[in-house]
N, C-alpha and C. Protein backbone atom coordinates (compact mmCIF):
# COMPACT_ATOMS: atom_id res chain seq x y z
N MET A 1 -22.53 28.56 5.50
CA MET A 1 -21.51 28.02 6.36
C MET A 1 -20.78 26.83 5.72
N TRP A 2 -21.43 25.70 5.74
CA TRP A 2 -20.82 24.48 5.19
C TRP A 2 -21.38 24.21 3.80
N ASP A 3 -20.48 23.87 2.91
CA ASP A 3 -20.92 23.42 1.59
C ASP A 3 -20.85 21.89 1.60
N TRP A 4 -21.97 21.28 1.90
CA TRP A 4 -22.01 19.84 2.13
C TRP A 4 -21.69 19.04 0.87
N GLU A 5 -22.01 19.56 -0.29
CA GLU A 5 -21.71 18.84 -1.53
C GLU A 5 -20.21 18.70 -1.75
N ILE A 6 -19.48 19.79 -1.52
CA ILE A 6 -18.03 19.74 -1.68
C ILE A 6 -17.40 18.83 -0.63
N LEU A 7 -17.89 18.93 0.61
CA LEU A 7 -17.38 18.06 1.68
C LEU A 7 -17.62 16.59 1.34
N PHE A 8 -18.83 16.27 0.88
CA PHE A 8 -19.15 14.89 0.52
C PHE A 8 -18.27 14.43 -0.64
N TRP A 9 -18.02 15.31 -1.61
CA TRP A 9 -17.18 14.95 -2.76
C TRP A 9 -15.76 14.63 -2.30
N HIS A 10 -15.20 15.43 -1.41
CA HIS A 10 -13.85 15.20 -0.93
C HIS A 10 -13.75 13.93 -0.08
N VAL A 11 -14.74 13.68 0.74
CA VAL A 11 -14.75 12.45 1.54
C VAL A 11 -14.86 11.24 0.63
N THR A 12 -15.67 11.32 -0.40
CA THR A 12 -15.79 10.23 -1.37
C THR A 12 -14.46 9.98 -2.07
N GLN A 13 -13.75 11.03 -2.45
CA GLN A 13 -12.44 10.87 -3.09
C GLN A 13 -11.45 10.20 -2.15
N VAL A 14 -11.45 10.58 -0.89
CA VAL A 14 -10.55 9.98 0.08
C VAL A 14 -10.83 8.49 0.22
N VAL A 15 -12.10 8.13 0.32
CA VAL A 15 -12.46 6.71 0.47
C VAL A 15 -12.03 5.92 -0.77
N VAL A 16 -12.25 6.46 -1.95
CA VAL A 16 -11.86 5.77 -3.19
C VAL A 16 -10.34 5.60 -3.24
N TYR A 17 -9.59 6.64 -2.89
CA TYR A 17 -8.13 6.55 -2.93
C TYR A 17 -7.60 5.58 -1.89
N VAL A 18 -8.22 5.52 -0.73
CA VAL A 18 -7.79 4.56 0.30
C VAL A 18 -8.02 3.13 -0.18
N ILE A 19 -9.18 2.87 -0.74
CA ILE A 19 -9.48 1.52 -1.24
C ILE A 19 -8.53 1.16 -2.38
N LEU A 20 -8.32 2.10 -3.29
CA LEU A 20 -7.40 1.86 -4.41
C LEU A 20 -5.98 1.62 -3.91
N GLY A 21 -5.53 2.43 -2.98
CA GLY A 21 -4.17 2.29 -2.44
C GLY A 21 -3.98 0.97 -1.72
N LEU A 22 -4.94 0.57 -0.89
CA LEU A 22 -4.84 -0.71 -0.19
C LEU A 22 -4.87 -1.88 -1.16
N GLY A 23 -5.68 -1.77 -2.20
CA GLY A 23 -5.71 -2.82 -3.21
C GLY A 23 -4.39 -2.95 -3.93
N LEU A 24 -3.78 -1.81 -4.27
CA LEU A 24 -2.49 -1.85 -4.95
C LEU A 24 -1.38 -2.37 -4.03
N PHE A 25 -1.46 -2.05 -2.74
CA PHE A 25 -0.50 -2.62 -1.80
C PHE A 25 -0.65 -4.13 -1.71
N GLY A 26 -1.88 -4.62 -1.73
CA GLY A 26 -2.11 -6.06 -1.72
C GLY A 26 -1.56 -6.73 -2.96
N VAL A 27 -1.77 -6.11 -4.11
CA VAL A 27 -1.24 -6.66 -5.36
C VAL A 27 0.28 -6.64 -5.34
N ALA A 28 0.87 -5.56 -4.82
CA ALA A 28 2.33 -5.48 -4.74
C ALA A 28 2.89 -6.56 -3.84
N TYR A 29 2.22 -6.83 -2.72
CA TYR A 29 2.68 -7.89 -1.83
C TYR A 29 2.63 -9.25 -2.54
N LEU A 30 1.54 -9.50 -3.25
CA LEU A 30 1.42 -10.78 -3.96
C LEU A 30 2.49 -10.92 -5.05
N VAL A 31 2.77 -9.84 -5.77
CA VAL A 31 3.80 -9.89 -6.81
C VAL A 31 5.17 -10.15 -6.19
N ILE A 32 5.47 -9.46 -5.10
CA ILE A 32 6.77 -9.67 -4.44
C ILE A 32 6.85 -11.07 -3.88
N ASP A 33 5.77 -11.57 -3.31
CA ASP A 33 5.76 -12.92 -2.75
C ASP A 33 5.99 -13.97 -3.84
N LYS A 34 5.40 -13.76 -5.01
CA LYS A 34 5.60 -14.71 -6.12
C LYS A 34 6.99 -14.58 -6.74
N ALA A 35 7.57 -13.38 -6.68
CA ALA A 35 8.88 -13.16 -7.31
C ALA A 35 10.04 -13.69 -6.46
N THR A 36 9.81 -13.85 -5.17
CA THR A 36 10.88 -14.35 -4.31
C THR A 36 10.85 -15.87 -4.26
N PRO A 37 12.01 -16.51 -4.10
CA PRO A 37 12.04 -17.97 -4.07
C PRO A 37 11.58 -18.56 -2.73
N PHE A 38 11.23 -17.73 -1.77
CA PHE A 38 10.78 -18.21 -0.47
C PHE A 38 9.45 -17.54 -0.12
N SER A 39 8.79 -18.02 0.90
CA SER A 39 7.52 -17.48 1.32
C SER A 39 7.75 -16.29 2.26
N LEU A 40 7.24 -15.13 1.90
CA LEU A 40 7.41 -13.96 2.75
C LEU A 40 6.71 -14.13 4.09
N GLY A 41 5.53 -14.70 4.07
CA GLY A 41 4.79 -14.91 5.31
C GLY A 41 5.54 -15.80 6.28
N LYS A 42 6.12 -16.88 5.77
CA LYS A 42 6.88 -17.79 6.62
C LYS A 42 8.13 -17.11 7.17
N GLU A 43 8.82 -16.36 6.31
CA GLU A 43 10.04 -15.68 6.75
C GLU A 43 9.73 -14.62 7.82
N LEU A 44 8.63 -13.90 7.64
CA LEU A 44 8.31 -12.83 8.58
C LEU A 44 7.71 -13.34 9.88
N LEU A 45 6.78 -14.26 9.79
CA LEU A 45 6.04 -14.68 10.98
C LEU A 45 6.70 -15.81 11.76
N GLU A 46 7.27 -16.78 11.06
CA GLU A 46 7.84 -17.93 11.75
C GLU A 46 9.31 -17.76 12.06
N LYS A 47 10.08 -17.25 11.09
CA LYS A 47 11.53 -17.14 11.28
C LYS A 47 11.95 -15.77 11.81
N HIS A 48 11.04 -14.81 11.85
CA HIS A 48 11.32 -13.45 12.33
C HIS A 48 12.54 -12.85 11.63
N ASN A 49 12.54 -12.92 10.30
CA ASN A 49 13.66 -12.43 9.50
C ASN A 49 13.54 -10.91 9.36
N THR A 50 14.42 -10.20 10.06
CA THR A 50 14.39 -8.75 10.07
C THR A 50 14.76 -8.16 8.72
N ALA A 51 15.70 -8.78 8.03
CA ALA A 51 16.13 -8.26 6.74
C ALA A 51 14.98 -8.26 5.73
N VAL A 52 14.19 -9.33 5.71
CA VAL A 52 13.05 -9.39 4.80
C VAL A 52 12.02 -8.32 5.17
N ALA A 53 11.82 -8.08 6.46
CA ALA A 53 10.88 -7.06 6.90
C ALA A 53 11.34 -5.67 6.47
N ILE A 54 12.64 -5.40 6.56
CA ILE A 54 13.16 -4.10 6.16
C ILE A 54 13.01 -3.90 4.66
N VAL A 55 13.33 -4.92 3.86
CA VAL A 55 13.20 -4.80 2.41
C VAL A 55 11.74 -4.63 2.01
N LEU A 56 10.85 -5.39 2.62
CA LEU A 56 9.43 -5.28 2.31
C LEU A 56 8.90 -3.90 2.71
N GLY A 57 9.34 -3.38 3.84
CA GLY A 57 8.94 -2.04 4.26
C GLY A 57 9.43 -0.97 3.30
N ALA A 58 10.66 -1.13 2.80
CA ALA A 58 11.21 -0.18 1.83
C ALA A 58 10.42 -0.21 0.53
N VAL A 59 10.04 -1.40 0.10
CA VAL A 59 9.24 -1.53 -1.13
C VAL A 59 7.89 -0.84 -0.94
N PHE A 60 7.26 -1.05 0.21
CA PHE A 60 5.96 -0.42 0.47
C PHE A 60 6.08 1.09 0.56
N LEU A 61 7.16 1.60 1.13
CA LEU A 61 7.36 3.05 1.16
C LEU A 61 7.54 3.61 -0.25
N GLY A 62 8.27 2.90 -1.09
CA GLY A 62 8.42 3.33 -2.48
C GLY A 62 7.11 3.36 -3.22
N ILE A 63 6.29 2.34 -3.01
CA ILE A 63 4.97 2.31 -3.65
C ILE A 63 4.09 3.43 -3.11
N ALA A 64 4.19 3.72 -1.83
CA ALA A 64 3.40 4.81 -1.24
C ALA A 64 3.77 6.16 -1.84
N VAL A 65 5.05 6.38 -2.07
CA VAL A 65 5.49 7.64 -2.68
C VAL A 65 4.95 7.75 -4.10
N ILE A 66 5.01 6.66 -4.84
CA ILE A 66 4.51 6.67 -6.21
C ILE A 66 3.00 6.91 -6.23
N LEU A 67 2.26 6.24 -5.35
CA LEU A 67 0.81 6.44 -5.29
C LEU A 67 0.46 7.86 -4.89
N ALA A 68 1.18 8.42 -3.93
CA ALA A 68 0.91 9.79 -3.49
C ALA A 68 1.15 10.77 -4.63
N ALA A 69 2.20 10.56 -5.38
CA ALA A 69 2.48 11.45 -6.52
C ALA A 69 1.42 11.31 -7.60
N ALA A 70 0.95 10.08 -7.82
CA ALA A 70 -0.07 9.87 -8.84
C ALA A 70 -1.41 10.48 -8.41
N ILE A 71 -1.74 10.38 -7.14
CA ILE A 71 -3.00 10.94 -6.66
C ILE A 71 -2.96 12.46 -6.70
N ARG A 72 -1.83 13.02 -6.33
CA ARG A 72 -1.69 14.47 -6.31
C ARG A 72 -1.70 15.09 -7.69
N GLY A 73 -1.18 14.34 -8.65
CA GLY A 73 -1.21 14.82 -10.03
C GLY A 73 -0.01 15.49 -10.45
């Protein structure tokens, strides 16, 4: 019925890719935060700057597409 070894292998791969992806998103946020002349956290949380949120979301979507292509092979 169930091939538990294959299932465990696939679940392990998913967990590794999730951790890797979240780590890369964190690194990307830090790089973008250092590259901008202002603080992203302050702009997003205190000033509610919608333009910064849209640009940051677009960057994260681009990184997600690249990561998905790299994981898929």
